[in-house]
Protein backbone atom coordinates (compact mmCIF):
# COMPACT_ATOMS: atom_id res chain seq x y z
CA MET A 1 19.72 5.88 -19.59
CA LYS A 2 19.63 9.55 -18.36
CA LYS A 3 19.24 9.28 -14.68
CA ILE A 4 17.07 12.39 -13.05
CA THR A 5 17.92 11.08 -9.69
CA GLU A 6 21.36 11.62 -10.56
CA ALA A 7 21.33 15.01 -12.47
CA PRO A 8 23.09 18.15 -11.14
CA SER A 9 21.26 19.89 -8.39
CA PRO A 10 19.73 23.57 -9.51
CA TYR A 11 21.60 24.83 -6.47
CA ARG A 12 25.36 25.92 -6.43
CA ASP A 13 27.65 26.83 -3.84
CA LEU A 14 25.76 25.17 -0.84
CA GLU A 15 28.47 25.44 1.71
CA LYS A 16 28.43 29.32 0.88
CA LYS A 17 24.88 29.99 2.04
CA SER A 18 23.50 30.52 5.17
CA VAL A 19 21.61 27.83 7.50
CA GLY A 20 18.40 29.39 6.80
CA GLU A 21 18.80 29.60 3.20
CA LEU A 22 19.82 26.21 2.94
CA LEU A 23 16.78 25.25 5.06
CA ARG A 24 14.23 27.39 3.00
CA ILE A 25 16.13 25.46 -0.45
CA ILE A 26 15.35 22.16 1.04
CA ASN A 27 11.83 23.14 2.15
CA GLU A 28 10.85 24.44 -1.22
CA GLU A 29 12.07 21.21 -3.13
CA ASP A 30 10.35 19.07 -0.65
CA LYS A 31 7.21 20.85 -1.27
CA LYS A 32 7.23 19.34 -5.20
CA VAL A 33 7.22 15.59 -3.36
CA PRO A 34 3.29 15.37 -2.83
CA PHE A 35 2.49 16.71 -6.62
CA ALA A 36 4.53 14.19 -8.27
CA VAL A 37 3.11 11.36 -6.12
CA ALA A 38 -0.17 12.84 -7.04
CA ARG A 39 0.30 12.21 -10.50
CA ALA A 40 1.20 8.54 -10.01
CA ILE A 41 -1.72 7.89 -8.18
CA PRO A 42 -3.15 5.92 -11.57
CA GLN A 43 -0.17 3.78 -11.43
CA ILE A 44 -0.61 2.86 -7.51
CA GLU A 45 -4.20 2.09 -7.91
CA PRO A 46 -3.78 -0.83 -10.02
CA LEU A 47 -1.04 -2.37 -7.89
CA VAL A 48 -2.98 -1.81 -4.41
CA GLU A 49 -6.05 -3.67 -6.14
CA VAL A 50 -4.26 -6.84 -7.06
CA ILE A 51 -2.24 -6.76 -3.67
CA ILE A 52 -5.91 -6.73 -1.85
CA GLU A 53 -6.79 -9.44 -4.28
CA LYS A 54 -3.92 -11.36 -3.64
CA MET A 55 -3.75 -11.06 0.23
CA ARG A 56 -7.53 -11.82 0.55
CA ALA A 57 -6.32 -15.38 -0.97
CA GLY A 58 -3.84 -15.84 1.11
CA GLY A 59 -0.81 -14.14 -0.10
CA ARG A 60 1.83 -11.77 1.04
CA LEU A 61 3.25 -8.59 0.46
CA PHE A 62 7.24 -8.20 0.05
CA TYR A 63 9.27 -4.99 -0.23
CA ILE A 64 13.03 -5.44 -1.63
CA GLY A 65 15.29 -2.80 -1.63
CA ALA A 66 18.89 -1.70 -1.04
CA GLY A 67 20.02 1.32 1.36
CA THR A 68 17.46 3.85 2.09
CA SER A 69 14.90 2.20 0.00
CA GLY A 70 15.26 -1.23 1.61
CA ARG A 71 15.26 0.46 5.05
CA LEU A 72 11.96 2.46 4.12
CA GLY A 73 10.47 -1.00 2.73
CA ILE A 74 11.41 -2.32 6.53
CA LEU A 75 9.87 0.46 8.17
CA ASP A 76 6.57 0.16 6.60
CA ALA A 77 6.43 -3.55 7.25
CA SER A 78 7.17 -3.26 10.57
CA GLU A 79 4.56 -0.96 11.28
CA CYS A 80 1.95 -3.19 10.05
CA PRO A 81 1.56 -5.59 12.93
CA PRO A 82 1.42 -3.31 15.72
CA THR A 83 -0.88 -0.78 13.98
CA TYR A 84 -3.12 -3.29 12.16
CA GLY A 85 -2.55 -6.36 14.27
CA VAL A 86 -1.60 -8.52 11.27
CA PRO A 87 0.63 -11.55 11.57
CA HIS A 88 4.22 -10.32 10.90
CA ASP A 89 4.46 -12.41 7.91
CA TRP A 90 1.77 -10.56 6.06
CA VAL A 91 3.89 -7.66 5.01
CA ILE A 92 7.73 -8.56 4.74
CA GLY A 93 10.75 -6.16 4.25
CA LEU A 94 14.04 -7.46 2.51
CA ILE A 95 17.18 -5.29 2.33
CA ALA A 96 20.24 -6.17 0.32
CA GLY A 97 22.77 -7.38 2.84
CA GLY A 98 20.48 -8.67 5.28
CA ASP A 99 19.38 -7.15 8.89
CA ARG A 100 22.96 -5.62 9.68
CA ALA A 101 22.18 -3.33 6.71
CA ILE A 102 19.32 -1.66 8.27
CA ARG A 103 22.15 0.21 10.66
CA ARG A 104 25.31 0.22 8.52
CA ALA A 105 25.93 0.19 4.52
CA VAL A 106 27.00 -3.30 3.48
CA GLU A 107 29.30 -2.90 0.42
CA HIS A 108 28.52 -4.34 -2.67
CA ALA A 109 25.19 -5.95 -1.57
CA GLU A 110 23.28 -4.06 -3.55
CA ASP A 111 25.08 -5.20 -6.83
CA SER A 112 24.32 -8.95 -6.15
CA THR A 113 22.37 -10.22 -9.18
CA THR A 114 21.15 -13.33 -7.13
CA GLN A 115 20.72 -12.51 -3.52
CA ALA A 116 17.39 -10.90 -3.96
CA TRP A 117 15.78 -14.57 -5.04
CA GLN A 118 17.64 -16.51 -2.25
CA ASP A 119 16.02 -13.82 0.24
CA LEU A 120 12.68 -14.41 -1.28
CA SER A 121 13.07 -18.11 -1.45
CA GLU A 122 13.72 -18.34 2.26
CA TRP A 123 10.17 -16.91 2.99
CA GLY A 124 8.57 -19.39 0.25
CA VAL A 125 7.86 -16.79 -1.71
CA ASN A 126 5.30 -17.95 -4.26
CA GLU A 127 2.44 -17.08 -7.01
CA LEU A 128 0.05 -15.79 -4.43
CA ASP A 129 2.59 -12.99 -3.26
CA VAL A 130 3.09 -9.50 -4.51
CA VAL A 131 7.07 -8.15 -4.53
CA ILE A 132 7.64 -4.86 -4.81
CA GLY A 133 11.17 -3.49 -5.56
CA ILE A 134 12.12 -0.19 -4.24
CA ALA A 135 14.93 1.88 -5.98
CA ALA A 136 15.03 5.72 -6.71
CA SER A 137 17.20 5.08 -9.38
CA GLY A 138 15.73 1.94 -10.78
CA THR A 139 19.12 0.26 -11.43
CA THR A 140 20.01 -1.44 -8.13
CA PRO A 141 21.00 -5.13 -9.48
CA TYR A 142 19.50 -6.40 -6.08
CA VAL A 143 16.11 -5.12 -6.83
CA VAL A 144 16.16 -5.38 -10.75
CA HIS A 145 17.07 -8.96 -10.80
CA GLY A 146 15.05 -9.73 -7.88
CA LEU A 147 11.84 -8.66 -9.84
CA LYS A 148 13.25 -10.74 -12.92
CA ASP A 149 13.71 -13.58 -11.25
CA CYS A 150 10.04 -13.29 -9.56
CA GLN A 151 8.55 -12.58 -13.11
CA ALA A 152 10.12 -16.21 -14.31
CA HIS A 153 8.76 -17.68 -11.57
CA GLY A 154 5.00 -16.32 -12.19
CA ILE A 155 5.21 -13.81 -9.27
CA THR A 156 3.54 -10.44 -9.53
CA THR A 157 5.76 -7.56 -9.34
CA GLY A 158 5.47 -3.93 -8.49
CA CYS A 159 8.10 -1.13 -8.13
CA ILE A 160 8.69 2.25 -6.95
CA THR A 161 11.53 4.30 -8.76
CA CYS A 162 12.04 7.83 -9.39
CA ASN A 163 13.59 7.56 -12.77
CA PRO A 164 11.25 7.13 -16.07
CA GLY A 165 12.24 4.25 -18.29
CA ALA A 166 14.47 2.71 -15.42
CA PRO A 167 15.55 -0.76 -15.68
CA VAL A 168 13.24 -2.00 -12.91
CA THR A 169 10.19 -0.77 -14.51
CA GLN A 170 10.94 -3.57 -17.34
CA TYR A 171 10.55 -6.42 -14.63
CA ALA A 172 7.49 -4.86 -12.69
CA ASP A 173 3.86 -5.93 -13.69
CA TYR A 174 2.87 -2.71 -11.92
CA PRO A 175 5.73 0.03 -12.05
CA ILE A 176 5.26 3.13 -10.32
CA VAL A 177 7.55 6.03 -11.51
CA VAL A 178 7.55 9.37 -9.22
CA VAL A 179 9.70 11.81 -10.70
CA VAL A 180 10.52 14.26 -8.00
CA GLY A 181 13.56 15.72 -9.85
CA PRO A 182 17.19 16.62 -8.96
CA GLU A 183 17.98 16.34 -5.30
CA VAL A 184 19.49 19.43 -3.43
CA VAL A 185 22.54 17.66 -2.83
CA THR A 186 23.39 16.00 -6.20
CA GLY A 187 22.35 12.41 -6.03
CA SER A 188 21.47 12.15 -2.45
CA THR A 189 18.37 10.20 -2.88
CA ARG A 190 17.31 9.69 0.56
CA MET A 191 16.13 13.27 0.19
CA LYS A 192 13.64 13.97 -2.22
CA SER A 193 13.21 10.54 -3.57
CA GLY A 194 13.09 9.04 -0.21
CA THR A 195 10.44 11.12 0.70
CA ALA A 196 8.44 10.04 -2.04
CA GLN A 197 8.94 6.63 -1.62
CA LYS A 198 7.79 7.04 1.81
CA LEU A 199 4.85 8.74 0.90
CA VAL A 200 4.09 5.79 -1.58
CA LEU A 201 4.59 3.03 0.74
CA ASN A 202 2.25 4.85 3.11
CA MET A 203 -0.44 4.96 0.50
CA ILE A 204 0.14 1.56 -0.31
CA SER A 205 -0.39 -0.64 3.02
CA THR A 206 -2.78 1.90 4.34
CA THR A 207 -5.50 1.30 1.56
CA VAL A 208 -4.55 -2.43 1.53
CA MET A 209 -5.03 -2.57 5.32
CA ILE A 210 -8.20 -0.85 4.97
CA GLY A 211 -8.99 -2.95 2.17
CA LEU A 212 -8.59 -6.47 4.28
CA GLY A 213 -10.94 -4.62 6.91
CA ARG A 214 -8.23 -3.73 9.42
CA VAL A 215 -9.76 -0.38 10.09
CA LYS A 216 -13.43 0.42 11.20
CA ASP A 217 -14.63 3.84 10.20
CA ASN A 218 -11.36 5.68 10.55
CA LYS A 219 -10.11 3.74 13.52
CA MET A 220 -7.25 1.30 14.20
CA VAL A 221 -9.78 -1.23 15.63
CA ASP A 222 -6.89 -4.47 15.41
CA MET A 223 -3.91 -2.56 16.81
CA GLN A 224 -1.81 -4.18 19.47
CA LEU A 225 -2.08 -2.85 23.13
CA SER A 226 1.64 -2.71 23.41
CA ASN A 227 2.02 0.45 25.60
CA ASP A 228 0.24 2.80 27.74
CA LYS A 229 -0.28 5.30 25.04
CA LEU A 230 -2.18 2.37 22.82
CA LYS A 231 -4.41 1.27 25.71
CA ASP A 232 -5.54 4.71 26.40
CA ARG A 233 -6.41 5.28 22.68
CA GLY A 234 -8.14 1.97 22.38
CA THR A 235 -9.81 2.85 25.67
CA ARG A 236 -11.34 5.74 24.14
CA ILE A 237 -12.30 4.24 20.76
CA VAL A 238 -14.25 1.66 22.93
CA MET A 239 -15.65 4.74 25.18
CA HIS A 240 -16.67 6.57 22.01
CA ALA A 241 -18.27 3.63 20.10
CA LEU A 242 -20.29 2.23 23.08
CA LYS A 243 -20.90 5.78 24.98
CA ILE A 244 -19.74 4.30 27.85
CA PRO A 245 -17.58 6.04 30.98
CA TYR A 246 -13.84 5.39 30.24
CA ASP A 247 -13.46 3.16 33.32
CA GLU A 248 -15.89 0.94 31.74
CA ALA A 249 -14.72 0.87 28.29
CA ARG A 250 -10.94 0.18 29.63
CA ARG A 251 -12.15 -3.02 31.97
CA LEU A 252 -13.98 -4.03 28.56
CA LEU A 253 -10.80 -3.44 26.43
CA LEU A 254 -8.62 -5.14 28.53
CA ALA A 255 -11.00 -8.09 29.30
CA HIS A 256 -11.30 -8.95 25.63
CA GLY A 257 -7.75 -7.61 24.30
CA SER A 258 -8.51 -5.89 21.51
CA VAL A 259 -10.80 -2.57 20.32
CA ARG A 260 -12.64 -4.81 17.78
CA LYS A 261 -13.57 -7.36 20.50
CA ALA A 262 -14.56 -4.97 23.02
CA ILE A 263 -17.00 -3.17 21.00
CA GLU A 264 -18.40 -6.35 19.72
CA ALA A 265 -18.83 -7.60 23.24
CA GLY A 266 -20.21 -4.42 24.19
CA ARG A 267 -22.67 -4.47 21.29
CA GLY A 268 -23.71 -8.14 22.01
């Protein structure tokens, strides 16, 4: 299989270029990413629809990946509870090598053909859930075999990769392929490929949460009030929704513990 993600960079002699030249080259390549993601929207849409359907029925969303891809999945999953006030086990990110691999590479962890299923099994993964494998190359054994095992157990699968025809797409019911082309530094898929994966993950989780009713108008009405900035944001949402003074809105918010409940109480 020809890996676009491993194709030689179109830029030569990078070490001889000035800082300004390098920055402009990277920026020019980064500009290609959103257009590549836009071309993949027809692939993203049916996956999001099935996730919403499954989660409404009590299912969960899992991300599995290794290295940068695994870290991006964990990042997206970890942002859902504070942003949308959902339980921590609604969206779950798993990385080859376990939590210690979030900060440091764990050698050969991504080469395991059995660990992903073991990791998923610890969470009791089942037919109500959706598992998305994230792999820029689309060849990572941890991800490929994780999805293969999921399919064998009747679990809905998706993938996010940057190589057409990659092995991971064979085991994804809903494959998403975002072709961003070779990286500026050959094979450094934390760059354009990683950016593309992050954009797709943003689209998936945000649209899913809106579909599950966790956004009202365009506001995070269920966000966790975990710091002063978020309490201030919540107060202003309540203030504008109810057309009341700031201090009154803040009292309502703190009394009811959430933007949604404060607005409902104010209108009741």
